[in-house]
Amino acid sequence: MKPTLVILAAGMASRYGSMKQVEGFGPSGETIMDYSIFDAIRAGFGKVVFIIREEFADNFKNIFEPKLKGRIETAYVYQDLNSFLEGHTVPEGRTKPWGTAHAVLCAKDVVNEPFAVINADDFYGQNAFENAAAFLNVGCNERNYAIIGYDLLSTLSDYGTVNRGVCELDHDGNLAGVTERINIAKKGESVMADDGLEPKELSLKTRVSMNFWCFDPSFFSYTQNLFTNFLKNHGTELKSEFFIPIVADQFIKEGGKIEVIPTTSLWFGVTYKEDAPFVAKSLAELISNGEYPKNLWEA
């Protein structure tokens, strides 16, 4: 059974100021998602599931169905505030989605095989998908998940500070936790985090999470139980969010293992409009190096 790729594309895109998930950055108008799906197909994934907001459904289907028909199975899932509430109610005035772990939970009825989760607006690279597919095909089970760990140095920006989920490793090299560090930048030969936490200087060999996870289908029932507990404690708050690292931390505490799989891939993403030229330039370089065709979906 081929693994599935789940793409988180229900974000509000508020910082970027437009629907960046469907903006074209490639020379033939390809979105960042196009490159992820292309990499997933050649790594052996059999299905892609888009988690979107229902009002964007027609837009998404019009963009992706003509490209992907006959290449990979597709499914569309809507992240809805009213999903999986188990008797709880959405507090009056809340419009913010419940977070990334809830978004993945919304794919419960369409994913029955080992699967990877990625962000819509991050470029992850061919090697990352190859490594993820290898794990999903062989090493993934209900007590063994994984995360793709990027080198911190390869995810820094020349344009300012970044926030990163720093992977803490146990003595076996598996994930012990993810700590969100903010205001990270290179200063001379060092990498510093100006966030009041220790250590201020981060090792040049630090692995970071860019939200590329590998899960067994058992993730859904496990996460649904945790979400019910989350709602008991935080369900009345207007901006509380149920993130994937919350689930990962609890899974580890209960004896589960999350491998940290290294990758040689270059990562880049789009947070602000100012990032767009860098993304287009990076893609052009990869194409000129022969890593991608100029038109991804040309027959």
C-alpha atoms as a PDB file:
ATOM      1  CA  MET A   1       0.000   0.000   0.000  1.00  0.00           C
ATOM      2  CA  LYS A   2       1.539   3.312  -1.089  1.00  0.00           C
ATOM      3  CA  PRO A   3       1.827   6.095   1.508  1.00  0.00           C
ATOM      4  CA  THR A   4      -0.340   9.226   1.370  1.00  0.00           C
ATOM      5  CA  LEU A   5       0.702  12.875   1.453  1.00  0.00           C
ATOM      6  CA  VAL A   6      -1.462  15.214   3.570  1.00  0.00           C
ATOM      7  CA  ILE A   7      -1.003  18.921   2.797  1.00  0.00           C
ATOM      8  CA  LEU A   8      -2.032  21.537   5.367  1.00  0.00           C
ATOM      9  CA  ALA A   9      -3.506  24.324   3.248  1.00  0.00           C
ATOM     10  CA  ALA A  10      -6.302  25.691   5.438  1.00  0.00           C
ATOM     11  CA  GLY A  11      -4.229  28.524   6.924  1.00  0.00           C
ATOM     12  CA  MET A  12      -5.524  32.056   6.938  1.00  0.00           C
ATOM     13  CA  ALA A  13      -2.418  33.385   5.098  1.00  0.00           C
ATOM     14  CA  SER A  14      -2.861  36.565   7.125  1.00  0.00           C
ATOM     15  CA  ARG A  15       0.836  37.483   7.363  1.00  0.00           C
ATOM     16  CA  TYR A  16       1.358  37.035   3.662  1.00  0.00           C
ATOM     17  CA  GLY A  17      -1.723  39.044   2.691  1.00  0.00           C
ATOM     18  CA  SER A  18      -3.080  36.786  -0.053  1.00  0.00           C
ATOM     19  CA  MET A  19      -3.844  33.160  -0.730  1.00  0.00           C
ATOM     20  CA  LYS A  20      -0.169  32.237  -1.021  1.00  0.00           C
ATOM     21  CA  GLN A  21      -0.855  28.516  -1.248  1.00  0.00           C
ATOM     22  CA  VAL A  22      -1.990  28.899  -4.871  1.00  0.00           C
ATOM     23  CA  GLU A  23       0.443  31.600  -5.983  1.00  0.00           C
ATOM     24  CA  GLY A  24       2.730  30.585  -8.833  1.00  0.00           C
ATOM     25  CA  PHE A  25       6.489  30.712  -8.162  1.00  0.00           C
ATOM     26  CA  GLY A  26       7.795  28.298 -10.814  1.00  0.00           C
ATOM     27  CA  PRO A  27       8.583  29.316 -14.408  1.00  0.00           C
ATOM     28  CA  SER A  28       5.351  27.742 -15.673  1.00  0.00           C
ATOM     29  CA  GLY A  29       3.233  29.102 -12.829  1.00  0.00           C
ATOM     30  CA  GLU A  30       3.821  26.169 -10.458  1.00  0.00           C
ATOM     31  CA  THR A  31       2.925  26.635  -6.792  1.00  0.00           C
ATOM     32  CA  ILE A  32       5.222  25.433  -4.023  1.00  0.00           C
ATOM     33  CA  MET A  33       2.692  22.627  -3.512  1.00  0.00           C
ATOM     34  CA  ASP A  34       3.236  21.489  -7.113  1.00  0.00           C
ATOM     35  CA  TYR A  35       6.887  20.787  -6.333  1.00  0.00           C
ATOM     36  CA  SER A  36       5.988  18.875  -3.161  1.00  0.00           C
ATOM     37  CA  ILE A  37       3.443  16.754  -5.033  1.00  0.00           C
ATOM     38  CA  PHE A  38       5.892  16.156  -7.895  1.00  0.00           C
ATOM     39  CA  ASP A  39       8.522  14.995  -5.375  1.00  0.00           C
ATOM     40  CA  ALA A  40       5.957  12.817  -3.589  1.00  0.00           C
ATOM     41  CA  ILE A  41       4.915  11.095  -6.830  1.00  0.00           C
ATOM     42  CA  ARG A  42       8.488  10.231  -7.792  1.00  0.00           C
ATOM     43  CA  ALA A  43       9.157   9.020  -4.242  1.00  0.00           C
ATOM     44  CA  GLY A  44       6.252   6.570  -4.549  1.00  0.00           C
ATOM     45  CA  PHE A  45       3.316   8.232  -2.758  1.00  0.00           C
ATOM     46  CA  GLY A  46      -0.054   7.092  -4.065  1.00  0.00           C
ATOM     47  CA  LYS A  47      -2.470   9.782  -2.901  1.00  0.00           C
ATOM     48  CA  VAL A  48      -2.485  13.456  -1.943  1.00  0.00           C
ATOM     49  CA  VAL A  49      -5.031  14.879   0.506  1.00  0.00           C
ATOM     50  CA  PHE A  50      -5.542  18.641   0.575  1.00  0.00           C
ATOM     51  CA  ILE A  51      -6.827  20.038   3.878  1.00  0.00           C
ATOM     52  CA  ILE A  52      -8.460  23.316   2.947  1.00  0.00           C
ATOM     53  CA  ARG A  53     -11.223  25.697   3.889  1.00  0.00           C
ATOM     54  CA  GLU A  54     -14.475  24.860   2.141  1.00  0.00           C
ATOM     55  CA  GLU A  55     -14.734  28.273   0.468  1.00  0.00           C
ATOM     56  CA  PHE A  56     -11.451  27.580  -1.357  1.00  0.00           C
ATOM     57  CA  ALA A  57     -12.509  24.149  -2.650  1.00  0.00           C
ATOM     58  CA  ASP A  58     -13.481  25.153  -6.200  1.00  0.00           C
ATOM     59  CA  ASN A  59     -10.318  27.242  -6.540  1.00  0.00           C
ATOM     60  CA  PHE A  60      -8.114  24.334  -5.443  1.00  0.00           C
ATOM     61  CA  LYS A  61      -9.816  21.767  -7.634  1.00  0.00           C
ATOM     62  CA  ASN A  62      -9.660  23.993 -10.716  1.00  0.00           C
ATOM     63  CA  ILE A  63      -5.915  24.438 -10.191  1.00  0.00           C
ATOM     64  CA  PHE A  64      -4.867  20.910  -9.269  1.00  0.00           C
ATOM     65  CA  GLU A  65      -7.272  18.456 -10.878  1.00  0.00           C
ATOM     66  CA  PRO A  66      -6.180  19.120 -14.495  1.00  0.00           C
ATOM     67  CA  LYS A  67      -2.509  18.689 -13.519  1.00  0.00           C
ATOM     68  CA  LEU A  68      -2.836  15.651 -11.299  1.00  0.00           C
ATOM     69  CA  LYS A  69      -5.479  13.569 -13.050  1.00  0.00           C
ATOM     70  CA  GLY A  70      -3.989  10.199 -13.921  1.00  0.00           C
ATOM     71  CA  ARG A  71      -0.797  10.934 -11.969  1.00  0.00           C
ATOM     72  CA  ILE A  72      -1.907  10.544  -8.341  1.00  0.00           C
ATOM     73  CA  GLU A  73      -5.175  10.018  -6.468  1.00  0.00           C
ATOM     74  CA  THR A  74      -6.573  13.198  -4.877  1.00  0.00           C
ATOM     75  CA  ALA A  75      -8.934  13.966  -1.996  1.00  0.00           C
ATOM     76  CA  TYR A  76     -10.130  17.232  -0.441  1.00  0.00           C
ATOM     77  CA  VAL A  77     -10.922  17.655   3.245  1.00  0.00           C
ATOM     78  CA  TYR A  78     -12.367  20.722   4.957  1.00  0.00           C
ATOM     79  CA  GLN A  79     -11.077  21.921   8.308  1.00  0.00           C
ATOM     80  CA  ASP A  80     -14.234  22.919  10.139  1.00  0.00           C
ATOM     81  CA  LEU A  81     -14.452  24.462  13.615  1.00  0.00           C
ATOM     82  CA  ASN A  82     -17.382  22.157  14.376  1.00  0.00           C
ATOM     83  CA  SER A  83     -15.542  18.903  13.577  1.00  0.00           C
ATOM     84  CA  PHE A  84     -14.740  16.428  16.396  1.00  0.00           C
ATOM     85  CA  LEU A  85     -16.231  18.618  19.151  1.00  0.00           C
ATOM     86  CA  GLU A  86     -17.755  15.614  20.987  1.00  0.00           C
ATOM     87  CA  GLY A  87     -20.484  17.680  22.655  1.00  0.00           C
ATOM     88  CA  HIS A  88     -18.406  20.845  23.110  1.00  0.00           C
ATOM     89  CA  THR A  89     -19.413  24.055  21.365  1.00  0.00           C
ATOM     90  CA  VAL A  90     -17.386  26.682  19.543  1.00  0.00           C
ATOM     91  CA  PRO A  91     -17.117  29.749  21.826  1.00  0.00           C
ATOM     92  CA  GLU A  92     -18.960  32.793  20.561  1.00  0.00           C
ATOM     93  CA  GLY A  93     -16.662  35.014  18.526  1.00  0.00           C
ATOM     94  CA  ARG A  94     -14.106  32.325  17.690  1.00  0.00           C
ATOM     95  CA  THR A  95     -13.086  32.259  14.025  1.00  0.00           C
ATOM     96  CA  LYS A  96      -9.529  30.885  14.357  1.00  0.00           C
ATOM     97  CA  PRO A  97      -9.099  27.214  13.329  1.00  0.00           C
ATOM     98  CA  TRP A  98      -8.268  24.730  16.101  1.00  0.00           C
ATOM     99  CA  GLY A  99      -4.674  24.223  14.896  1.00  0.00           C
ATOM    100  CA  THR A 100      -2.552  21.839  12.851  1.00  0.00           C
ATOM    101  CA  ALA A 101      -3.287  18.626  14.790  1.00  0.00           C
ATOM    102  CA  HIS A 102      -7.037  19.256  14.422  1.00  0.00           C
ATOM    103  CA  ALA A 103      -6.490  19.922  10.702  1.00  0.00           C
ATOM    104  CA  VAL A 104      -4.845  16.518  10.267  1.00  0.00           C
ATOM    105  CA  LEU A 105      -7.632  14.895  12.297  1.00  0.00           C
ATOM    106  CA  CYS A 106     -10.106  16.166   9.693  1.00  0.00           C
ATOM    107  CA  ALA A 107      -8.509  13.721   7.187  1.00  0.00           C
ATOM    108  CA  LYS A 108      -9.452  10.734   9.365  1.00  0.00           C
ATOM    109  CA  ASP A 109     -12.050   9.321   6.960  1.00  0.00           C
ATOM    110  CA  VAL A 110      -9.900   9.454   3.818  1.00  0.00           C
ATOM    111  CA  VAL A 111      -6.508   8.200   5.081  1.00  0.00           C
ATOM    112  CA  ASN A 112      -6.121   4.508   5.931  1.00  0.00           C
ATOM    113  CA  GLU A 113      -2.403   4.042   5.224  1.00  0.00           C
ATOM    114  CA  PRO A 114       0.887   5.449   6.600  1.00  0.00           C
ATOM    115  CA  PHE A 115       1.042   9.133   5.701  1.00  0.00           C
ATOM    116  CA  ALA A 116       3.206  12.241   5.714  1.00  0.00           C
ATOM    117  CA  VAL A 117       2.060  15.733   6.720  1.00  0.00           C
ATOM    118  CA  ILE A 118       3.544  18.923   5.263  1.00  0.00           C
ATOM    119  CA  ASN A 119       2.785  22.641   5.062  1.00  0.00           C
ATOM    120  CA  ALA A 120       1.409  23.980   1.782  1.00  0.00           C
ATOM    121  CA  ASP A 121       3.790  26.927   1.628  1.00  0.00           C
ATOM    122  CA  ASP A 122       7.116  25.210   2.417  1.00  0.00           C
ATOM    123  CA  PHE A 123       9.507  23.712  -0.128  1.00  0.00           C
ATOM    124  CA  TYR A 124      10.964  20.490   1.295  1.00  0.00           C
ATOM    125  CA  GLY A 125      13.037  18.973  -1.516  1.00  0.00           C
ATOM    126  CA  GLN A 126      13.344  15.611  -3.267  1.00  0.00           C
ATOM    127  CA  ASN A 127      15.587  13.899  -0.699  1.00  0.00           C
ATOM    128  CA  ALA A 128      13.144  14.688   2.119  1.00  0.00           C
ATOM    129  CA  PHE A 129      10.305  12.917   0.299  1.00  0.00           C
ATOM    130  CA  GLU A 130      12.496   9.944  -0.577  1.00  0.00           C
ATOM    131  CA  ASN A 131      13.512   9.549   3.061  1.00  0.00           C
ATOM    132  CA  ALA A 132       9.934   9.959   4.268  1.00  0.00           C
ATOM    133  CA  ALA A 133       8.643   7.351   1.806  1.00  0.00           C
ATOM    134  CA  ALA A 134      11.340   4.875   2.848  1.00  0.00           C
ATOM    135  CA  PHE A 135      10.288   5.237   6.506  1.00  0.00           C
ATOM    136  CA  LEU A 136       6.551   5.062   5.782  1.00  0.00           C
ATOM    137  CA  ASN A 137       7.002   1.913   3.703  1.00  0.00           C
ATOM    138  CA  VAL A 138       9.184   0.048   6.209  1.00  0.00           C
ATOM    139  CA  GLY A 139       9.567   1.612   9.667  1.00  0.00           C
ATOM    140  CA  CYS A 140       6.224   3.210  10.490  1.00  0.00           C
ATOM    141  CA  ASN A 141       3.818   1.575  12.942  1.00  0.00           C
ATOM    142  CA  GLU A 142       1.454   2.530  15.770  1.00  0.00           C
ATOM    143  CA  ARG A 143       4.358   2.992  18.220  1.00  0.00           C
ATOM    144  CA  ASN A 144       6.889   4.462  15.791  1.00  0.00           C
ATOM    145  CA  TYR A 145       6.419   7.783  13.992  1.00  0.00           C
ATOM    146  CA  ALA A 146       9.022  10.133  12.463  1.00  0.00           C
ATOM    147  CA  ILE A 147       9.872  13.718  11.668  1.00  0.00           C
ATOM    148  CA  ILE A 148      12.150  15.024   8.920  1.00  0.00           C
ATOM    149  CA  GLY A 149      14.899  17.006  10.650  1.00  0.00           C
ATOM    150  CA  TYR A 150      16.501  19.862   8.735  1.00  0.00           C
ATOM    151  CA  ASP A 151      19.863  21.440   9.508  1.00  0.00           C
ATOM    152  CA  LEU A 152      19.162  24.737  11.250  1.00  0.00           C
ATOM    153  CA  LEU A 153      21.790  26.477   9.119  1.00  0.00           C
ATOM    154  CA  SER A 154      19.973  25.578   5.904  1.00  0.00           C
ATOM    155  CA  THR A 155      16.719  27.169   7.114  1.00  0.00           C
ATOM    156  CA  LEU A 156      18.011  30.596   8.186  1.00  0.00           C
ATOM    157  CA  SER A 157      17.066  33.762   6.314  1.00  0.00           C
ATOM    158  CA  ASP A 158      19.290  36.497   4.938  1.00  0.00           C
ATOM    159  CA  TYR A 159      16.441  38.952   5.480  1.00  0.00           C
ATOM    160  CA  GLY A 160      15.986  38.784   9.242  1.00  0.00           C
ATOM    161  CA  THR A 161      15.278  36.503  12.169  1.00  0.00           C
ATOM    162  CA  VAL A 162      13.286  33.276  11.981  1.00  0.00           C
ATOM    163  CA  ASN A 163      11.318  31.117  14.412  1.00  0.00           C
ATOM    164  CA  ARG A 164      12.072  27.401  14.437  1.00  0.00           C
ATOM    165  CA  GLY A 165      10.966  24.272  16.255  1.00  0.00           C
ATOM    166  CA  VAL A 166      14.246  22.984  17.672  1.00  0.00           C
ATOM    167  CA  CYS A 167      14.345  19.183  17.961  1.00  0.00           C
ATOM    168  CA  GLU A 168      15.602  17.907  21.304  1.00  0.00           C
ATOM    169  CA  LEU A 169      17.043  14.402  20.954  1.00  0.00           C
ATOM    170  CA  ASP A 170      17.210  11.565  23.461  1.00  0.00           C
ATOM    171  CA  HIS A 171      20.311   9.376  23.987  1.00  0.00           C
ATOM    172  CA  ASP A 172      19.267   7.175  21.031  1.00  0.00           C
ATOM    173  CA  GLY A 173      18.941  10.156  18.687  1.00  0.00           C
ATOM    174  CA  ASN A 174      15.141  10.038  18.630  1.00  0.00           C
ATOM    175  CA  LEU A 175      12.879  13.004  19.289  1.00  0.00           C
ATOM    176  CA  ALA A 176      12.531  13.975  22.943  1.00  0.00           C
ATOM    177  CA  GLY A 177      10.570  17.154  22.260  1.00  0.00           C
ATOM    178  CA  VAL A 178      10.203  20.221  20.035  1.00  0.00           C
ATOM    179  CA  THR A 179      10.937  23.627  21.554  1.00  0.00           C
ATOM    180  CA  GLU A 180       9.793  26.720  19.687  1.00  0.00           C
ATOM    181  CA  ARG A 181      12.704  29.175  19.545  1.00  0.00           C
ATOM    182  CA  ILE A 182      12.177  32.675  18.183  1.00  0.00           C
ATOM    183  CA  ASN A 183      14.338  35.494  16.801  1.00  0.00           C
ATOM    184  CA  ILE A 184      17.044  33.135  15.478  1.00  0.00           C
ATOM    185  CA  ALA A 185      19.764  34.640  13.305  1.00  0.00           C
ATOM    186  CA  LYS A 186      23.370  34.044  12.309  1.00  0.00           C
ATOM    187  CA  LYS A 187      25.788  36.412  14.037  1.00  0.00           C
ATOM    188  CA  GLY A 188      29.309  36.031  12.723  1.00  0.00           C
ATOM    189  CA  GLU A 189      30.127  32.329  12.897  1.00  0.00           C
ATOM    190  CA  SER A 190      27.463  31.639  15.543  1.00  0.00           C
ATOM    191  CA  VAL A 191      23.697  31.112  15.492  1.00  0.00           C
ATOM    192  CA  MET A 192      21.883  32.976  18.270  1.00  0.00           C
ATOM    193  CA  ALA A 193      18.290  32.940  19.535  1.00  0.00           C
ATOM    194  CA  ASP A 194      17.222  36.225  21.079  1.00  0.00           C
ATOM    195  CA  ASP A 195      14.218  34.917  23.014  1.00  0.00           C
ATOM    196  CA  GLY A 196      15.283  34.836  26.658  1.00  0.00           C
ATOM    197  CA  LEU A 197      15.660  31.049  26.646  1.00  0.00           C
ATOM    198  CA  GLU A 198      18.810  29.016  27.177  1.00  0.00           C
ATOM    199  CA  PRO A 199      21.038  28.193  25.468  1.00  0.00           C
ATOM    200  CA  LYS A 200      21.231  31.501  23.619  1.00  0.00           C
ATOM    201  CA  GLU A 201      23.760  30.073  21.159  1.00  0.00           C
ATOM    202  CA  LEU A 202      22.447  27.143  19.149  1.00  0.00           C
ATOM    203  CA  SER A 203      24.713  24.403  17.877  1.00  0.00           C
ATOM    204  CA  LEU A 204      25.477  24.551  14.175  1.00  0.00           C
ATOM    205  CA  LYS A 205      24.369  20.882  14.053  1.00  0.00           C
ATOM    206  CA  THR A 206      20.921  21.632  15.504  1.00  0.00           C
ATOM    207  CA  ARG A 207      18.049  19.782  13.830  1.00  0.00           C
ATOM    208  CA  VAL A 208      14.812  21.701  13.367  1.00  0.00           C
ATOM    209  CA  SER A 209      11.251  20.745  12.527  1.00  0.00           C
ATOM    210  CA  MET A 210       9.700  22.309   9.442  1.00  0.00           C
ATOM    211  CA  ASN A 211       6.431  20.463  10.083  1.00  0.00           C
ATOM    212  CA  PHE A 212       7.197  17.420   7.907  1.00  0.00           C
ATOM    213  CA  TRP A 213       5.833  14.477   9.932  1.00  0.00           C
ATOM    214  CA  CYS A 214       5.356  10.773   9.203  1.00  0.00           C
ATOM    215  CA  PHE A 215       2.492   8.957  10.939  1.00  0.00           C
ATOM    216  CA  ASP A 216       0.734   5.611  11.148  1.00  0.00           C
ATOM    217  CA  PRO A 217      -3.093   5.742  10.737  1.00  0.00           C
ATOM    218  CA  SER A 218      -3.340   5.064  14.499  1.00  0.00           C
ATOM    219  CA  PHE A 219      -2.478   8.773  14.826  1.00  0.00           C
ATOM    220  CA  PHE A 220      -6.141   9.620  14.189  1.00  0.00           C
ATOM    221  CA  SER A 221      -7.765   7.818  17.122  1.00  0.00           C
ATOM    222  CA  TYR A 222      -4.889   8.851  19.408  1.00  0.00           C
ATOM    223  CA  THR A 223      -5.215  12.495  18.379  1.00  0.00           C
ATOM    224  CA  GLN A 224      -8.992  12.490  18.643  1.00  0.00           C
ATOM    225  CA  ASN A 225      -8.754  11.469  22.317  1.00  0.00           C
ATOM    226  CA  LEU A 226      -6.185  14.192  22.994  1.00  0.00           C
ATOM    227  CA  PHE A 227      -8.336  16.784  21.221  1.00  0.00           C
ATOM    228  CA  THR A 228     -11.280  15.909  23.465  1.00  0.00           C
ATOM    229  CA  ASN A 229      -9.056  16.569  26.504  1.00  0.00           C
ATOM    230  CA  PHE A 230      -7.772  19.770  24.900  1.00  0.00           C
ATOM    231  CA  LEU A 231     -11.338  21.034  24.508  1.00  0.00           C
ATOM    232  CA  LYS A 232     -12.067  20.340  28.175  1.00  0.00           C
ATOM    233  CA  ASN A 233      -9.122  22.526  29.185  1.00  0.00           C
ATOM    234  CA  HIS A 234      -8.967  25.146  26.417  1.00  0.00           C
ATOM    235  CA  GLY A 235     -12.183  24.848  24.405  1.00  0.00           C
ATOM    236  CA  THR A 236     -13.656  28.102  25.715  1.00  0.00           C
ATOM    237  CA  GLU A 237     -10.638  30.180  24.655  1.00  0.00           C
ATOM    238  CA  LEU A 238     -10.893  32.241  21.467  1.00  0.00           C
ATOM    239  CA  LYS A 239      -7.327  31.641  20.253  1.00  0.00           C
ATOM    240  CA  SER A 240      -6.190  28.335  21.782  1.00  0.00           C
ATOM    241  CA  GLU A 241      -4.618  25.969  19.222  1.00  0.00           C
ATOM    242  CA  PHE A 242      -4.064  22.230  19.157  1.00  0.00           C
ATOM    243  CA  PHE A 243      -0.713  21.759  17.403  1.00  0.00           C
ATOM    244  CA  ILE A 244       0.961  18.595  16.091  1.00  0.00           C
ATOM    245  CA  PRO A 245       3.891  18.957  18.564  1.00  0.00           C
ATOM    246  CA  ILE A 246       1.347  18.752  21.431  1.00  0.00           C
ATOM    247  CA  VAL A 247       0.363  15.304  20.160  1.00  0.00           C
ATOM    248  CA  ALA A 248       3.997  14.332  19.535  1.00  0.00           C
ATOM    249  CA  ASP A 249       5.070  15.307  23.057  1.00  0.00           C
ATOM    250  CA  GLN A 250       2.288  13.253  24.647  1.00  0.00           C
ATOM    251  CA  PHE A 251       3.023  10.292  22.359  1.00  0.00           C
ATOM    252  CA  ILE A 252       6.664  10.320  23.482  1.00  0.00           C
ATOM    253  CA  LYS A 253       5.706  10.644  27.171  1.00  0.00           C
ATOM    254  CA  GLU A 254       3.535   7.543  26.810  1.00  0.00           C
ATOM    255  CA  GLY A 255       6.411   5.482  25.407  1.00  0.00           C
ATOM    256  CA  GLY A 256       6.037   6.075  21.682  1.00  0.00           C
ATOM    257  CA  LYS A 257       9.074   6.672  19.497  1.00  0.00           C
ATOM    258  CA  ILE A 258       9.519   9.457  16.939  1.00  0.00           C
ATOM    259  CA  GLU A 259      12.598   9.034  14.784  1.00  0.00           C
ATOM    260  CA  VAL A 260      14.405  12.135  13.521  1.00  0.00           C
ATOM    261  CA  ILE A 261      15.234  11.459   9.881  1.00  0.00           C
ATOM    262  CA  PRO A 262      17.927  13.747   8.465  1.00  0.00           C
ATOM    263  CA  THR A 263      17.725  15.182   4.965  1.00  0.00           C
ATOM    264  CA  THR A 264      20.186  16.788   2.598  1.00  0.00           C
ATOM    265  CA  SER A 265      17.378  18.794   0.994  1.00  0.00           C
ATOM    266  CA  LEU A 266      17.312  22.568   0.924  1.00  0.00           C
ATOM    267  CA  TRP A 267      14.276  24.073   2.669  1.00  0.00           C
ATOM    268  CA  PHE A 268      12.707  27.406   1.874  1.00  0.00           C
ATOM    269  CA  GLY A 269       9.312  28.918   2.515  1.00  0.00           C
ATOM    270  CA  VAL A 270       7.062  31.912   2.068  1.00  0.00           C
ATOM    271  CA  THR A 271       6.065  33.863   5.148  1.00  0.00           C
ATOM    272  CA  TYR A 272       6.065  37.415   3.819  1.00  0.00           C
ATOM    273  CA  LYS A 273       5.623  38.860   0.333  1.00  0.00           C
ATOM    274  CA  GLU A 274       9.283  39.884   0.425  1.00  0.00           C
ATOM    275  CA  ASP A 275      10.207  36.177   0.415  1.00  0.00           C
ATOM    276  CA  ALA A 276       8.645  35.597  -3.013  1.00  0.00           C
ATOM    277  CA  PRO A 277      11.635  36.677  -5.190  1.00  0.00           C
ATOM    278  CA  PHE A 278      13.982  34.425  -3.187  1.00  0.00           C
ATOM    279  CA  VAL A 279      11.652  31.455  -3.647  1.00  0.00           C
ATOM    280  CA  ALA A 280      11.394  32.026  -7.406  1.00  0.00           C
ATOM    281  CA  LYS A 281      15.197  32.383  -7.656  1.00  0.00           C
ATOM    282  CA  SER A 282      15.790  29.204  -5.614  1.00  0.00           C
ATOM    283  CA  LEU A 283      13.424  27.215  -7.834  1.00  0.00           C
ATOM    284  CA  ALA A 284      15.104  28.576 -10.971  1.00  0.00           C
ATOM    285  CA  GLU A 285      18.481  27.396  -9.651  1.00  0.00           C
ATOM    286  CA  LEU A 286      17.148  23.900  -8.930  1.00  0.00           C
ATOM    287  CA  ILE A 287      15.691  23.744 -12.444  1.00  0.00           C
ATOM    288  CA  SER A 288      18.944  24.910 -14.036  1.00  0.00           C
ATOM    289  CA  ASN A 289      20.759  22.183 -12.053  1.00  0.00           C
ATOM    290  CA  GLY A 290      18.457  19.590 -13.609  1.00  0.00           C
ATOM    291  CA  GLU A 291      16.602  18.659 -10.401  1.00  0.00           C
ATOM    292  CA  TYR A 292      13.203  19.649 -11.845  1.00  0.00           C
ATOM    293  CA  PRO A 293      11.856  20.095 -15.386  1.00  0.00           C
ATOM    294  CA  LYS A 294      10.990  23.623 -16.483  1.00  0.00           C
ATOM    295  CA  ASN A 295       7.338  22.588 -16.721  1.00  0.00           C
ATOM    296  CA  LEU A 296       6.513  20.046 -14.007  1.00  0.00           C
ATOM    297  CA  TRP A 297       3.382  18.622 -15.549  1.00  0.00           C
ATOM    298  CA  GLU A 298       4.238  18.621 -19.248  1.00  0.00           C
ATOM    299  CA  ALA A 299       3.354  15.224 -20.633  1.00  0.00           C
END
